[in-house]
Each structure stands twice: as C-alpha cells, then as structure tokens.
N, C-alpha and C. Protein backbone atom coordinates (compact mmCIF):
# COMPACT_ATOMS: atom_id res chain seq x y z
N UNK A 1 -72.27 -53.18 35.35
CA UNK A 1 -71.19 -52.22 35.53
C UNK A 1 -71.76 -50.98 36.20
N UNK A 2 -71.00 -50.44 37.12
CA UNK A 2 -71.36 -49.19 37.79
C UNK A 2 -70.34 -48.14 37.39
N UNK A 3 -70.81 -46.95 37.11
CA UNK A 3 -69.91 -45.83 36.80
C UNK A 3 -69.93 -44.88 37.99
N UNK A 4 -68.77 -44.76 38.63
CA UNK A 4 -68.57 -43.83 39.73
C UNK A 4 -67.95 -42.58 39.13
N UNK A 5 -68.48 -41.40 39.47
CA UNK A 5 -67.93 -40.21 38.84
C UNK A 5 -67.87 -39.01 39.78
N UNK A 6 -66.97 -38.13 39.43
CA UNK A 6 -66.85 -36.81 40.06
C UNK A 6 -66.73 -35.83 38.91
N UNK A 7 -67.56 -34.80 38.88
CA UNK A 7 -67.48 -33.81 37.81
C UNK A 7 -67.31 -32.41 38.38
N UNK A 8 -66.59 -31.61 37.63
CA UNK A 8 -66.42 -30.21 38.01
C UNK A 8 -65.59 -29.99 39.26
N UNK A 9 -64.68 -30.91 39.55
CA UNK A 9 -63.81 -30.75 40.71
C UNK A 9 -62.88 -29.57 40.47
N UNK A 10 -62.91 -28.61 41.37
CA UNK A 10 -62.08 -27.41 41.24
C UNK A 10 -60.85 -27.53 42.12
N UNK A 11 -59.70 -27.36 41.49
CA UNK A 11 -58.42 -27.44 42.18
C UNK A 11 -57.55 -26.27 41.79
N UNK A 12 -56.56 -25.99 42.60
CA UNK A 12 -55.50 -25.03 42.27
C UNK A 12 -54.22 -25.84 42.16
N UNK A 13 -53.48 -25.63 41.09
CA UNK A 13 -52.25 -26.39 40.89
C UNK A 13 -51.20 -25.52 40.22
N UNK A 14 -49.94 -25.83 40.51
CA UNK A 14 -48.83 -25.23 39.77
C UNK A 14 -48.68 -26.06 38.52
N UNK A 15 -49.12 -25.51 37.39
CA UNK A 15 -49.13 -26.28 36.16
C UNK A 15 -48.86 -25.37 34.96
N UNK A 16 -48.06 -25.87 34.04
CA UNK A 16 -47.81 -25.13 32.82
C UNK A 16 -46.34 -25.14 32.43
N UNK A 17 -46.09 -24.86 31.16
CA UNK A 17 -44.73 -24.86 30.64
C UNK A 17 -44.19 -23.46 30.39
N UNK A 18 -45.05 -22.48 30.38
CA UNK A 18 -44.61 -21.11 30.09
C UNK A 18 -44.02 -20.44 31.33
N UNK A 19 -43.09 -19.56 31.09
CA UNK A 19 -42.39 -18.87 32.19
C UNK A 19 -43.38 -18.23 33.17
N UNK A 20 -44.43 -17.61 32.67
CA UNK A 20 -45.39 -16.93 33.56
C UNK A 20 -46.24 -17.92 34.37
N UNK A 21 -46.16 -19.22 34.05
CA UNK A 21 -46.91 -20.23 34.80
C UNK A 21 -46.09 -20.90 35.90
N UNK A 22 -44.80 -20.74 35.85
CA UNK A 22 -43.92 -21.41 36.82
C UNK A 22 -44.07 -20.73 38.18
N UNK A 23 -44.31 -21.55 39.19
CA UNK A 23 -44.44 -21.05 40.55
C UNK A 23 -45.75 -20.34 40.84
N UNK A 24 -46.71 -20.50 39.96
CA UNK A 24 -48.00 -19.82 40.12
C UNK A 24 -49.12 -20.84 40.14
N UNK A 25 -50.03 -20.70 41.10
CA UNK A 25 -51.20 -21.56 41.14
C UNK A 25 -52.20 -21.13 40.07
N UNK A 26 -52.80 -22.12 39.41
CA UNK A 26 -53.82 -21.87 38.41
C UNK A 26 -55.01 -22.79 38.68
N UNK A 27 -56.20 -22.34 38.30
CA UNK A 27 -57.37 -23.21 38.50
C UNK A 27 -57.39 -24.34 37.48
N UNK A 28 -57.86 -25.48 37.93
CA UNK A 28 -58.13 -26.64 37.07
C UNK A 28 -59.54 -27.11 37.35
N UNK A 29 -60.18 -27.64 36.32
CA UNK A 29 -61.45 -28.34 36.47
C UNK A 29 -61.22 -29.78 36.05
N UNK A 30 -61.62 -30.72 36.90
CA UNK A 30 -61.33 -32.13 36.67
C UNK A 30 -62.63 -32.93 36.71
N UNK A 31 -62.78 -33.80 35.70
CA UNK A 31 -63.88 -34.77 35.66
C UNK A 31 -63.26 -36.16 35.65
N UNK A 32 -63.84 -37.05 36.44
CA UNK A 32 -63.36 -38.43 36.51
C UNK A 32 -64.55 -39.37 36.42
N UNK A 33 -64.41 -40.41 35.59
CA UNK A 33 -65.38 -41.50 35.54
C UNK A 33 -64.64 -42.81 35.71
N UNK A 34 -65.13 -43.64 36.60
CA UNK A 34 -64.53 -44.95 36.83
C UNK A 34 -65.59 -46.03 36.63
N UNK A 35 -65.27 -47.05 35.86
CA UNK A 35 -66.15 -48.20 35.72
C UNK A 35 -65.69 -49.28 36.68
N UNK A 36 -66.65 -49.79 37.46
CA UNK A 36 -66.38 -50.86 38.41
C UNK A 36 -67.50 -51.89 38.30
N UNK A 37 -67.21 -53.15 38.57
CA UNK A 37 -68.28 -54.16 38.53
C UNK A 37 -69.39 -53.80 39.50
N UNK A 38 -70.61 -54.04 39.09
CA UNK A 38 -71.76 -53.75 39.96
C UNK A 38 -71.81 -54.75 41.09
N UNK A 39 -71.86 -54.21 42.29
CA UNK A 39 -71.96 -55.06 43.46
C UNK A 39 -73.37 -55.06 44.01
N UNK A 40 -74.25 -54.27 43.41
CA UNK A 40 -75.61 -54.15 43.92
C UNK A 40 -75.61 -53.27 45.15
N UNK A 41 -76.79 -53.01 45.68
CA UNK A 41 -76.84 -52.18 46.89
C UNK A 41 -76.10 -52.87 48.03
N UNK A 42 -75.39 -52.09 48.75
CA UNK A 42 -74.62 -52.70 49.83
C UNK A 42 -73.95 -51.65 50.68
N UNK A 43 -72.71 -51.89 50.97
CA UNK A 43 -71.97 -51.02 51.86
C UNK A 43 -70.98 -50.18 51.06
N UNK A 44 -70.58 -49.07 51.65
CA UNK A 44 -69.60 -48.20 51.03
C UNK A 44 -68.31 -48.97 50.74
N UNK A 45 -67.96 -49.89 51.60
CA UNK A 45 -66.74 -50.67 51.42
C UNK A 45 -66.79 -51.57 50.17
N UNK A 46 -68.00 -51.78 49.63
CA UNK A 46 -68.15 -52.64 48.47
C UNK A 46 -67.98 -51.92 47.13
N UNK A 47 -67.75 -50.62 47.18
CA UNK A 47 -67.61 -49.86 45.94
C UNK A 47 -66.43 -48.91 46.05
N UNK A 48 -66.16 -48.19 44.97
CA UNK A 48 -65.11 -47.18 44.99
C UNK A 48 -65.73 -45.89 45.54
N UNK A 49 -65.20 -45.43 46.64
CA UNK A 49 -65.69 -44.22 47.28
C UNK A 49 -65.19 -43.01 46.50
N UNK A 50 -66.09 -42.17 46.03
CA UNK A 50 -65.66 -41.02 45.23
C UNK A 50 -64.85 -40.02 46.01
N UNK A 51 -64.88 -40.09 47.32
CA UNK A 51 -64.01 -39.22 48.12
C UNK A 51 -62.54 -39.57 47.91
N UNK A 52 -62.24 -40.83 47.56
CA UNK A 52 -60.86 -41.20 47.27
C UNK A 52 -60.37 -40.54 45.99
N UNK A 53 -61.28 -40.28 45.05
CA UNK A 53 -60.93 -39.57 43.82
C UNK A 53 -60.53 -38.14 44.17
N UNK A 54 -61.31 -37.50 45.01
CA UNK A 54 -61.02 -36.14 45.46
C UNK A 54 -59.66 -36.07 46.14
N UNK A 55 -59.40 -36.99 47.05
CA UNK A 55 -58.12 -37.00 47.78
C UNK A 55 -56.95 -37.22 46.84
N UNK A 56 -57.10 -38.11 45.86
CA UNK A 56 -56.02 -38.38 44.92
C UNK A 56 -55.74 -37.15 44.05
N UNK A 57 -56.78 -36.50 43.57
CA UNK A 57 -56.60 -35.30 42.74
C UNK A 57 -55.93 -34.19 43.53
N UNK A 58 -56.34 -34.00 44.77
CA UNK A 58 -55.71 -32.98 45.62
C UNK A 58 -54.25 -33.29 45.86
N UNK A 59 -53.94 -34.55 46.11
CA UNK A 59 -52.55 -34.93 46.36
C UNK A 59 -51.67 -34.64 45.15
N UNK A 60 -52.16 -34.91 43.96
CA UNK A 60 -51.40 -34.63 42.75
C UNK A 60 -51.22 -33.13 42.59
N UNK A 61 -52.28 -32.36 42.81
CA UNK A 61 -52.21 -30.91 42.69
C UNK A 61 -51.23 -30.31 43.70
N UNK A 62 -51.16 -30.89 44.87
CA UNK A 62 -50.30 -30.37 45.93
C UNK A 62 -48.88 -30.92 45.85
N UNK A 63 -48.62 -31.81 44.90
CA UNK A 63 -47.34 -32.50 44.81
C UNK A 63 -46.23 -31.74 44.12
N UNK A 64 -46.44 -30.50 43.76
CA UNK A 64 -45.41 -29.73 43.09
C UNK A 64 -45.76 -29.45 41.65
N UNK A 65 -44.90 -28.70 40.99
CA UNK A 65 -45.16 -28.24 39.64
C UNK A 65 -45.28 -29.39 38.64
N UNK A 66 -46.28 -29.28 37.79
CA UNK A 66 -46.51 -30.23 36.70
C UNK A 66 -46.53 -29.41 35.41
N UNK A 67 -45.84 -29.86 34.41
CA UNK A 67 -45.79 -29.09 33.16
C UNK A 67 -47.06 -29.19 32.34
N UNK A 68 -47.63 -30.39 32.20
CA UNK A 68 -48.72 -30.60 31.26
C UNK A 68 -49.99 -31.12 31.93
N UNK A 69 -51.14 -30.69 31.42
CA UNK A 69 -52.40 -31.25 31.92
C UNK A 69 -52.48 -32.73 31.59
N UNK A 70 -51.83 -33.15 30.50
CA UNK A 70 -51.80 -34.57 30.16
C UNK A 70 -51.13 -35.38 31.26
N UNK A 71 -50.08 -34.82 31.85
CA UNK A 71 -49.38 -35.49 32.95
C UNK A 71 -50.29 -35.61 34.16
N UNK A 72 -50.98 -34.51 34.48
CA UNK A 72 -51.91 -34.54 35.61
C UNK A 72 -52.98 -35.61 35.38
N UNK A 73 -53.58 -35.61 34.20
CA UNK A 73 -54.64 -36.57 33.89
C UNK A 73 -54.13 -38.01 33.97
N UNK A 74 -52.94 -38.25 33.44
CA UNK A 74 -52.37 -39.59 33.46
C UNK A 74 -52.10 -40.05 34.89
N UNK A 75 -51.54 -39.18 35.70
CA UNK A 75 -51.26 -39.56 37.10
C UNK A 75 -52.55 -39.90 37.85
N UNK A 76 -53.57 -39.10 37.64
CA UNK A 76 -54.83 -39.35 38.35
C UNK A 76 -55.48 -40.64 37.84
N UNK A 77 -55.46 -40.85 36.53
CA UNK A 77 -56.04 -42.08 35.98
C UNK A 77 -55.31 -43.31 36.50
N UNK A 78 -53.99 -43.26 36.54
CA UNK A 78 -53.20 -44.40 37.02
C UNK A 78 -53.44 -44.64 38.51
N UNK A 79 -53.60 -43.57 39.27
CA UNK A 79 -53.90 -43.72 40.69
C UNK A 79 -55.25 -44.41 40.86
N UNK A 80 -56.23 -44.01 40.08
CA UNK A 80 -57.55 -44.65 40.15
C UNK A 80 -57.49 -46.11 39.72
N UNK A 81 -56.70 -46.41 38.69
CA UNK A 81 -56.58 -47.80 38.21
C UNK A 81 -55.82 -48.69 39.19
N UNK A 82 -55.17 -48.10 40.18
CA UNK A 82 -54.48 -48.91 41.19
C UNK A 82 -55.47 -49.73 42.00
N UNK A 83 -56.73 -49.29 42.05
CA UNK A 83 -57.77 -50.08 42.70
C UNK A 83 -58.14 -51.20 41.72
N UNK A 84 -57.95 -52.45 42.09
CA UNK A 84 -58.18 -53.56 41.15
C UNK A 84 -59.62 -53.68 40.68
N UNK A 85 -60.55 -53.05 41.37
CA UNK A 85 -61.96 -53.10 40.95
C UNK A 85 -62.24 -52.19 39.75
N UNK A 86 -61.38 -51.20 39.53
CA UNK A 86 -61.60 -50.25 38.44
C UNK A 86 -61.15 -50.88 37.13
N UNK A 87 -62.08 -50.97 36.18
CA UNK A 87 -61.76 -51.55 34.89
C UNK A 87 -61.50 -50.49 33.82
N UNK A 88 -61.97 -49.28 34.05
CA UNK A 88 -61.77 -48.18 33.10
C UNK A 88 -61.77 -46.88 33.88
N UNK A 89 -60.83 -46.00 33.53
CA UNK A 89 -60.78 -44.67 34.13
C UNK A 89 -60.70 -43.64 33.02
N UNK A 90 -61.59 -42.66 33.09
CA UNK A 90 -61.55 -41.53 32.17
C UNK A 90 -61.34 -40.27 32.99
N UNK A 91 -60.28 -39.54 32.69
CA UNK A 91 -59.96 -38.32 33.42
C UNK A 91 -59.83 -37.18 32.41
N UNK A 92 -60.55 -36.11 32.66
CA UNK A 92 -60.51 -34.91 31.82
C UNK A 92 -60.05 -33.76 32.71
N UNK A 93 -59.02 -33.03 32.25
CA UNK A 93 -58.48 -31.91 32.99
C UNK A 93 -58.56 -30.67 32.11
N UNK A 94 -59.18 -29.62 32.63
CA UNK A 94 -59.31 -28.37 31.89
C UNK A 94 -58.59 -27.25 32.63
N UNK A 95 -57.90 -26.40 31.86
CA UNK A 95 -57.29 -25.18 32.38
C UNK A 95 -58.11 -23.99 31.87
N UNK A 96 -58.95 -23.42 32.73
CA UNK A 96 -59.81 -22.33 32.29
C UNK A 96 -59.06 -21.08 31.81
N UNK A 97 -57.87 -20.84 32.30
CA UNK A 97 -57.14 -19.63 31.93
C UNK A 97 -56.20 -19.83 30.74
N UNK A 98 -56.08 -21.04 30.24
CA UNK A 98 -55.07 -21.35 29.22
C UNK A 98 -55.20 -20.47 27.97
N UNK A 99 -56.40 -20.26 27.50
CA UNK A 99 -56.60 -19.47 26.29
C UNK A 99 -57.54 -18.29 26.52
N UNK A 100 -57.69 -17.90 27.78
CA UNK A 100 -58.58 -16.79 28.13
C UNK A 100 -58.07 -15.50 27.48
N UNK A 101 -58.91 -14.67 27.00
CA UNK A 101 -60.38 -14.73 27.02
C UNK A 101 -60.98 -15.37 25.78
N UNK A 102 -60.16 -15.98 24.95
CA UNK A 102 -60.63 -16.51 23.67
C UNK A 102 -61.36 -17.84 23.76
N UNK A 103 -61.15 -18.58 24.83
CA UNK A 103 -61.82 -19.88 25.00
C UNK A 103 -62.16 -20.07 26.47
N UNK A 104 -63.20 -20.84 26.72
CA UNK A 104 -63.61 -21.13 28.09
C UNK A 104 -62.56 -21.96 28.80
N UNK A 105 -61.94 -22.89 28.09
CA UNK A 105 -60.91 -23.75 28.69
C UNK A 105 -60.19 -24.51 27.59
N UNK A 106 -59.04 -25.03 27.95
CA UNK A 106 -58.29 -25.96 27.11
C UNK A 106 -57.82 -27.07 28.03
N UNK A 107 -57.55 -28.24 27.48
CA UNK A 107 -57.11 -29.32 28.36
C UNK A 107 -56.90 -30.61 27.63
N UNK A 108 -56.98 -31.69 28.39
CA UNK A 108 -56.73 -33.02 27.85
C UNK A 108 -57.59 -34.04 28.58
N UNK A 109 -57.82 -35.14 27.90
CA UNK A 109 -58.58 -36.24 28.47
C UNK A 109 -57.82 -37.53 28.19
N UNK A 110 -57.79 -38.39 29.17
CA UNK A 110 -57.13 -39.68 29.01
C UNK A 110 -58.09 -40.78 29.46
N UNK A 111 -58.04 -41.91 28.76
CA UNK A 111 -58.84 -43.07 29.12
C UNK A 111 -57.90 -44.26 29.24
N UNK A 112 -57.94 -44.92 30.39
CA UNK A 112 -57.17 -46.14 30.60
C UNK A 112 -58.15 -47.28 30.85
N UNK A 113 -57.84 -48.46 30.29
CA UNK A 113 -58.68 -49.64 30.47
C UNK A 113 -57.82 -50.86 30.76
N UNK A 114 -58.40 -51.81 31.49
CA UNK A 114 -57.72 -53.10 31.72
C UNK A 114 -58.10 -54.03 30.61
C-alpha cells in the first residue's frame, strides 16, 4: 500500500454558519491522506498525483459558501474516492480563526474506506 498525502494546504473559503461568516473568506488548513495499491517505481500515470488533490480542494473552496467544515471534508474525501485506485481517504479540515484567540484551530476529520 502507498499513502499519498498533502499536508498543510492553505486555502481561503467562504465557510461558516454564523452571520459574520457569510460572504467572507476565511483561511482553512487541509490535510489529505490517500491509500492506493503500491505500483512500485514507475510513471506518474501509475499513481494518484497529489496535484489532483490540490485542484479538487481549490475547486471546492471556490464553489461557493459552505456552512460546515464537515461538509468541505466530506466533499473532498468523496472526490478523492472517485478515483477507483483510492481505497481509503482521510481528510482533515481546520479553521484557524474559529475559536481565536483561545485555540489554534477547530475543525473536523473524515475517513472514507472501500
């Protein structure tokens, strides 16, 4: 098994349920881990390119207002699982400003498996 990952991905997204969050961009930190069968050394086409993770996360962030970080995490995990080679996706989304200055971040993590 190979684990493909992206950690500390910084995005700006319209996210939140509170009135002061509507229509406002906020920072998110996203970590993604994908398990895929090991293909051994080879070509980029033989594995999951982590740039596709970046593009998917950006597309979700740019897709309009999302109320919950759980929703963001679920959408990204399901997008990653659309690749039939992915057997497990773990997505963690943190909102650094959610509880500032009392906490570094708050968020959610989702794990999907086949």
